[in-house]
Amino acid sequence: MIRKVMLVGAAMISALALGTSTAEAGTSYLIRQELDYAQYETGDDRAGVCDEEQDGNGVYAQYRQKNGFLTLRDNNGSKIGCGHATIPDVTSFRLCEDDAGDDSCTPWRIVR
């Protein structure tokens, strides 16, 4: 009887552990445009954009949400450090470079 209870208890603990890790797991999305990049992590809604080119062109990412739209910039240019934010309910995003004329943007990347 004790052995049966221990087996059932171990099975319940395993199920709880698996359920927890699955719920916390997220998917990482990355978009690159030459050396510049934007990313999004669905597990904790982390967004980031990074200008890695010393070309004088600013970089930003546009994030579509279920109920809105947000632009995130790397405000320090190609210096060390990137732009970061927590953005919930993102459905798609893209990376843009503020160059001469119309900005160069990647296609929209679907999230989730």
N, C-alpha and C. Protein backbone atom coordinates (compact mmCIF):
# COMPACT_ATOMS: atom_id res chain seq x y z
N MET A 1 0.82 -1.21 0.00
CA MET A 1 0.00 0.00 0.00
C MET A 1 0.86 1.27 0.00
N ILE A 2 1.90 1.29 0.84
CA ILE A 2 2.78 2.45 0.90
C ILE A 2 3.48 2.64 -0.44
N ARG A 3 3.89 1.52 -1.04
CA ARG A 3 4.57 1.59 -2.34
C ARG A 3 3.65 2.21 -3.40
N LYS A 4 2.36 1.82 -3.38
CA LYS A 4 1.39 2.36 -4.34
C LYS A 4 1.21 3.86 -4.14
N VAL A 5 1.13 4.32 -2.90
CA VAL A 5 0.97 5.74 -2.59
C VAL A 5 2.21 6.51 -3.06
N MET A 6 3.40 5.94 -2.85
CA MET A 6 4.62 6.60 -3.28
C MET A 6 4.67 6.74 -4.80
N LEU A 7 4.23 5.70 -5.53
CA LEU A 7 4.21 5.76 -6.99
C LEU A 7 3.23 6.80 -7.48
N VAL A 8 2.06 6.85 -6.88
CA VAL A 8 1.06 7.85 -7.28
C VAL A 8 1.57 9.24 -6.97
N GLY A 9 2.20 9.43 -5.79
CA GLY A 9 2.75 10.73 -5.42
C GLY A 9 3.85 11.17 -6.38
N ALA A 10 4.72 10.24 -6.76
CA ALA A 10 5.80 10.57 -7.70
C ALA A 10 5.22 10.94 -9.06
N ALA A 11 4.19 10.25 -9.50
CA ALA A 11 3.56 10.56 -10.78
C ALA A 11 2.93 11.96 -10.74
N MET A 12 2.31 12.30 -9.61
CA MET A 12 1.69 13.62 -9.50
C MET A 12 2.75 14.72 -9.52
N ILE A 13 3.85 14.51 -8.82
CA ILE A 13 4.92 15.50 -8.80
C ILE A 13 5.51 15.67 -10.20
N SER A 14 5.72 14.56 -10.90
CA SER A 14 6.24 14.64 -12.27
C SER A 14 5.29 15.41 -13.17
N ALA A 15 4.00 15.16 -13.05
CA ALA A 15 3.01 15.86 -13.88
C ALA A 15 3.01 17.35 -13.57
N LEU A 16 3.12 17.71 -12.30
CA LEU A 16 3.16 19.12 -11.94
C LEU A 16 4.41 19.79 -12.48
N ALA A 17 5.55 19.11 -12.37
CA ALA A 17 6.79 19.68 -12.86
C ALA A 17 6.74 19.86 -14.37
N LEU A 18 6.23 18.89 -15.08
CA LEU A 18 6.13 19.01 -16.53
C LEU A 18 5.16 20.11 -16.92
N GLY A 19 4.06 20.22 -16.23
CA GLY A 19 3.08 21.26 -16.52
C GLY A 19 3.65 22.64 -16.29
N THR A 20 4.42 22.81 -15.24
CA THR A 20 5.02 24.10 -14.93
C THR A 20 6.04 24.50 -15.99
N SER A 21 6.90 23.56 -16.36
CA SER A 21 7.92 23.93 -17.33
C SER A 21 7.32 24.23 -18.69
N THR A 22 6.26 23.56 -19.05
CA THR A 22 5.60 23.82 -20.33
C THR A 22 4.94 25.19 -20.32
N ALA A 23 4.33 25.56 -19.21
CA ALA A 23 3.64 26.85 -19.14
C ALA A 23 4.64 28.01 -19.21
N GLU A 24 5.84 27.83 -18.63
CA GLU A 24 6.83 28.90 -18.63
C GLU A 24 7.62 28.97 -19.93
N ALA A 25 7.64 27.89 -20.66
CA ALA A 25 8.43 27.86 -21.89
C ALA A 25 7.84 28.81 -22.91
N GLY A 26 8.70 29.44 -23.64
CA GLY A 26 8.26 30.36 -24.68
C GLY A 26 9.03 30.09 -25.96
N THR A 27 8.68 30.84 -26.96
CA THR A 27 9.35 30.73 -28.25
C THR A 27 10.08 32.03 -28.53
N SER A 28 11.31 31.91 -28.96
CA SER A 28 12.10 33.09 -29.32
C SER A 28 12.02 33.32 -30.82
N TYR A 29 11.79 34.56 -31.21
CA TYR A 29 11.75 34.95 -32.61
C TYR A 29 12.84 35.98 -32.84
N LEU A 30 13.54 35.87 -33.96
CA LEU A 30 14.64 36.78 -34.27
C LEU A 30 14.53 37.20 -35.74
N ILE A 31 14.69 38.49 -35.97
CA ILE A 31 14.73 39.03 -37.33
C ILE A 31 16.07 39.74 -37.49
N ARG A 32 16.75 39.46 -38.57
CA ARG A 32 18.03 40.13 -38.86
C ARG A 32 17.92 40.91 -40.17
N GLN A 33 18.57 42.05 -40.20
CA GLN A 33 18.73 42.84 -41.41
C GLN A 33 20.21 43.23 -41.41
N GLU A 34 20.99 42.45 -42.16
CA GLU A 34 22.45 42.53 -42.10
C GLU A 34 22.89 42.29 -40.65
N LEU A 35 23.52 43.25 -39.97
CA LEU A 35 23.96 43.02 -38.59
C LEU A 35 22.93 43.48 -37.55
N ASP A 36 21.97 44.31 -37.94
CA ASP A 36 20.94 44.78 -37.03
C ASP A 36 19.94 43.65 -36.76
N TYR A 37 19.28 43.70 -35.59
CA TYR A 37 18.29 42.66 -35.31
C TYR A 37 17.21 43.13 -34.35
N ALA A 38 16.09 42.43 -34.39
CA ALA A 38 14.99 42.60 -33.45
C ALA A 38 14.59 41.22 -32.99
N GLN A 39 14.09 41.13 -31.76
CA GLN A 39 13.70 39.83 -31.23
C GLN A 39 12.46 39.96 -30.36
N TYR A 40 11.83 38.80 -30.15
CA TYR A 40 10.66 38.73 -29.26
C TYR A 40 10.62 37.37 -28.61
N GLU A 41 10.36 37.33 -27.32
CA GLU A 41 10.27 36.10 -26.53
C GLU A 41 8.86 35.98 -25.99
N THR A 42 8.13 34.95 -26.42
CA THR A 42 6.73 34.81 -26.03
C THR A 42 6.55 34.41 -24.57
N GLY A 43 7.53 33.74 -23.97
CA GLY A 43 7.38 33.28 -22.59
C GLY A 43 7.21 34.41 -21.59
N ASP A 44 7.94 35.49 -21.78
CA ASP A 44 7.85 36.62 -20.84
C ASP A 44 7.62 37.95 -21.54
N ASP A 45 7.24 37.90 -22.80
CA ASP A 45 6.88 39.10 -23.58
C ASP A 45 8.04 40.10 -23.71
N ARG A 46 9.28 39.60 -23.71
CA ARG A 46 10.44 40.49 -23.85
C ARG A 46 10.67 40.83 -25.32
N ALA A 47 10.89 42.10 -25.58
CA ALA A 47 11.18 42.58 -26.94
C ALA A 47 12.51 43.31 -26.91
N GLY A 48 13.20 43.26 -28.03
CA GLY A 48 14.47 43.97 -28.11
C GLY A 48 14.80 44.34 -29.54
N VAL A 49 15.56 45.42 -29.69
CA VAL A 49 16.04 45.86 -31.00
C VAL A 49 17.46 46.37 -30.82
N CYS A 50 18.33 46.01 -31.77
CA CYS A 50 19.74 46.36 -31.61
C CYS A 50 20.36 46.81 -32.94
N ASP A 51 20.98 47.98 -32.89
CA ASP A 51 21.70 48.55 -34.03
C ASP A 51 23.16 48.12 -33.91
N GLU A 52 23.61 47.28 -34.81
CA GLU A 52 24.97 46.75 -34.76
C GLU A 52 25.83 47.25 -35.92
N GLU A 53 25.36 48.26 -36.65
CA GLU A 53 26.11 48.77 -37.80
C GLU A 53 26.47 50.23 -37.57
N GLN A 54 27.71 50.59 -37.82
CA GLN A 54 28.16 51.97 -37.69
C GLN A 54 27.97 52.69 -39.02
N ASP A 55 26.70 52.82 -39.43
CA ASP A 55 26.40 53.43 -40.73
C ASP A 55 25.62 54.73 -40.60
N GLY A 56 25.35 55.17 -39.38
CA GLY A 56 24.62 56.41 -39.16
C GLY A 56 23.11 56.28 -39.31
N ASN A 57 22.62 55.08 -39.62
CA ASN A 57 21.17 54.86 -39.77
C ASN A 57 20.60 54.27 -38.49
N GLY A 58 19.58 54.91 -37.94
CA GLY A 58 18.93 54.39 -36.76
C GLY A 58 18.12 53.14 -37.06
N VAL A 59 17.88 52.35 -36.02
CA VAL A 59 17.14 51.09 -36.16
C VAL A 59 15.98 51.08 -35.17
N TYR A 60 14.85 50.57 -35.61
CA TYR A 60 13.69 50.42 -34.72
C TYR A 60 12.90 49.18 -35.12
N ALA A 61 12.09 48.69 -34.20
CA ALA A 61 11.22 47.55 -34.46
C ALA A 61 9.79 47.99 -34.19
N GLN A 62 8.89 47.50 -35.01
CA GLN A 62 7.46 47.77 -34.83
C GLN A 62 6.79 46.47 -34.38
N TYR A 63 6.03 46.56 -33.30
CA TYR A 63 5.35 45.38 -32.73
C TYR A 63 3.85 45.59 -32.80
N ARG A 64 3.17 44.72 -33.52
CA ARG A 64 1.71 44.74 -33.54
C ARG A 64 1.22 43.91 -32.37
N GLN A 65 0.24 44.46 -31.67
CA GLN A 65 -0.37 43.77 -30.55
C GLN A 65 -1.83 43.47 -30.89
N LYS A 66 -2.46 42.67 -30.04
CA LYS A 66 -3.88 42.37 -30.26
C LYS A 66 -4.71 43.64 -30.26
N ASN A 67 -4.32 44.60 -29.42
CA ASN A 67 -5.09 45.84 -29.31
C ASN A 67 -4.21 47.07 -29.46
N GLY A 68 -3.30 47.07 -30.41
CA GLY A 68 -2.48 48.25 -30.56
C GLY A 68 -1.23 48.02 -31.37
N PHE A 69 -0.32 48.96 -31.25
CA PHE A 69 0.89 48.99 -32.06
C PHE A 69 1.95 49.75 -31.26
N LEU A 70 3.18 49.26 -31.24
CA LEU A 70 4.22 49.92 -30.48
C LEU A 70 5.53 49.92 -31.26
N THR A 71 6.27 51.01 -31.20
CA THR A 71 7.58 51.11 -31.84
C THR A 71 8.64 51.17 -30.76
N LEU A 72 9.66 50.33 -30.90
CA LEU A 72 10.77 50.26 -29.96
C LEU A 72 12.05 50.62 -30.71
N ARG A 73 12.83 51.54 -30.15
CA ARG A 73 14.05 52.01 -30.82
C ARG A 73 15.30 51.65 -30.02
N ASP A 74 16.40 51.53 -30.74
CA ASP A 74 17.72 51.45 -30.12
C ASP A 74 18.24 52.89 -30.17
N ASN A 75 18.06 53.62 -29.08
CA ASN A 75 18.31 55.06 -29.08
C ASN A 75 19.77 55.48 -29.04
N ASN A 76 20.68 54.53 -28.80
CA ASN A 76 22.08 54.94 -28.72
C ASN A 76 22.87 54.59 -29.98
N GLY A 77 22.19 54.33 -31.08
CA GLY A 77 22.87 54.00 -32.32
C GLY A 77 23.63 52.69 -32.20
N SER A 78 24.81 52.65 -32.79
CA SER A 78 25.56 51.40 -32.80
C SER A 78 26.45 51.22 -31.56
N LYS A 79 26.29 52.08 -30.56
CA LYS A 79 27.04 51.92 -29.31
C LYS A 79 26.54 50.67 -28.58
N ILE A 80 27.32 50.19 -27.62
CA ILE A 80 26.94 49.02 -26.85
C ILE A 80 25.63 49.29 -26.13
N GLY A 81 24.74 48.32 -26.16
CA GLY A 81 23.42 48.44 -25.54
C GLY A 81 22.34 48.47 -26.60
N CYS A 82 21.19 47.94 -26.27
CA CYS A 82 20.07 47.83 -27.20
C CYS A 82 18.81 48.38 -26.54
N GLY A 83 17.75 48.50 -27.32
CA GLY A 83 16.47 48.89 -26.77
C GLY A 83 15.71 47.66 -26.30
N HIS A 84 15.13 47.71 -25.09
CA HIS A 84 14.39 46.58 -24.54
C HIS A 84 13.08 47.05 -23.93
N ALA A 85 12.07 46.21 -23.97
CA ALA A 85 10.78 46.51 -23.34
C ALA A 85 10.01 45.21 -23.16
N THR A 86 9.04 45.24 -22.28
CA THR A 86 8.09 44.15 -22.13
C THR A 86 6.83 44.57 -22.88
N ILE A 87 6.45 43.78 -23.87
CA ILE A 87 5.30 44.12 -24.72
C ILE A 87 4.37 42.90 -24.77
N PRO A 88 3.25 42.94 -24.08
CA PRO A 88 2.34 41.79 -24.08
C PRO A 88 1.51 41.69 -25.36
N ASP A 89 1.07 40.49 -25.63
CA ASP A 89 0.10 40.20 -26.71
C ASP A 89 0.59 40.60 -28.10
N VAL A 90 1.87 40.39 -28.40
CA VAL A 90 2.40 40.69 -29.73
C VAL A 90 1.92 39.63 -30.71
N THR A 91 1.44 40.07 -31.87
CA THR A 91 0.98 39.15 -32.91
C THR A 91 1.95 39.08 -34.08
N SER A 92 2.73 40.16 -34.29
CA SER A 92 3.75 40.17 -35.34
C SER A 92 4.68 41.35 -35.08
N PHE A 93 5.86 41.30 -35.71
CA PHE A 93 6.80 42.41 -35.58
C PHE A 93 7.72 42.44 -36.79
N ARG A 94 8.36 43.59 -36.98
CA ARG A 94 9.32 43.74 -38.07
C ARG A 94 10.42 44.71 -37.65
N LEU A 95 11.53 44.66 -38.37
CA LEU A 95 12.69 45.49 -38.11
C LEU A 95 12.82 46.51 -39.22
N CYS A 96 13.11 47.76 -38.85
CA CYS A 96 13.25 48.82 -39.84
C CYS A 96 14.54 49.61 -39.60
N GLU A 97 15.11 50.09 -40.70
CA GLU A 97 16.29 50.94 -40.64
C GLU A 97 15.93 52.30 -41.20
N ASP A 98 16.21 53.34 -40.42
CA ASP A 98 15.89 54.71 -40.79
C ASP A 98 16.98 55.23 -41.72
N ASP A 99 16.84 54.91 -43.01
CA ASP A 99 17.84 55.31 -43.99
C ASP A 99 17.27 56.39 -44.91
N ALA A 100 18.03 56.81 -45.89
CA ALA A 100 17.59 57.89 -46.79
C ALA A 100 16.32 57.48 -47.53
N GLY A 101 15.38 58.41 -47.61
CA GLY A 101 14.11 58.11 -48.28
C GLY A 101 13.21 57.27 -47.40
N ASP A 102 12.46 56.35 -48.02
CA ASP A 102 11.61 55.45 -47.25
C ASP A 102 12.46 54.51 -46.42
N ASP A 103 12.02 54.22 -45.20
CA ASP A 103 12.77 53.31 -44.34
C ASP A 103 12.74 51.89 -44.91
N SER A 104 13.84 51.19 -44.75
CA SER A 104 13.93 49.80 -45.19
C SER A 104 13.43 48.91 -44.06
N CYS A 105 12.38 48.14 -44.32
CA CYS A 105 11.80 47.26 -43.29
C CYS A 105 11.75 45.82 -43.78
N THR A 106 11.90 44.91 -42.84
CA THR A 106 11.76 43.49 -43.15
C THR A 106 10.27 43.18 -43.29
N PRO A 107 9.93 42.03 -43.85
CA PRO A 107 8.53 41.60 -43.82
C PRO A 107 8.08 41.37 -42.37
N TRP A 108 6.78 41.44 -42.13
CA TRP A 108 6.24 41.18 -40.79
C TRP A 108 6.46 39.72 -40.44
N ARG A 109 6.90 39.46 -39.22
CA ARG A 109 7.10 38.11 -38.70
C ARG A 109 5.95 37.77 -37.76
N ILE A 110 5.20 36.73 -38.08
CA ILE A 110 4.06 36.33 -37.24
C ILE A 110 4.57 35.67 -35.96
N VAL A 111 3.93 35.99 -34.85
CA VAL A 111 4.29 35.46 -33.53
C VAL A 111 3.12 34.64 -33.00
N ARG A 112 3.42 33.56 -32.33
CA ARG A 112 2.47 32.66 -31.65
C ARG A 112 1.82 31.80 -32.63
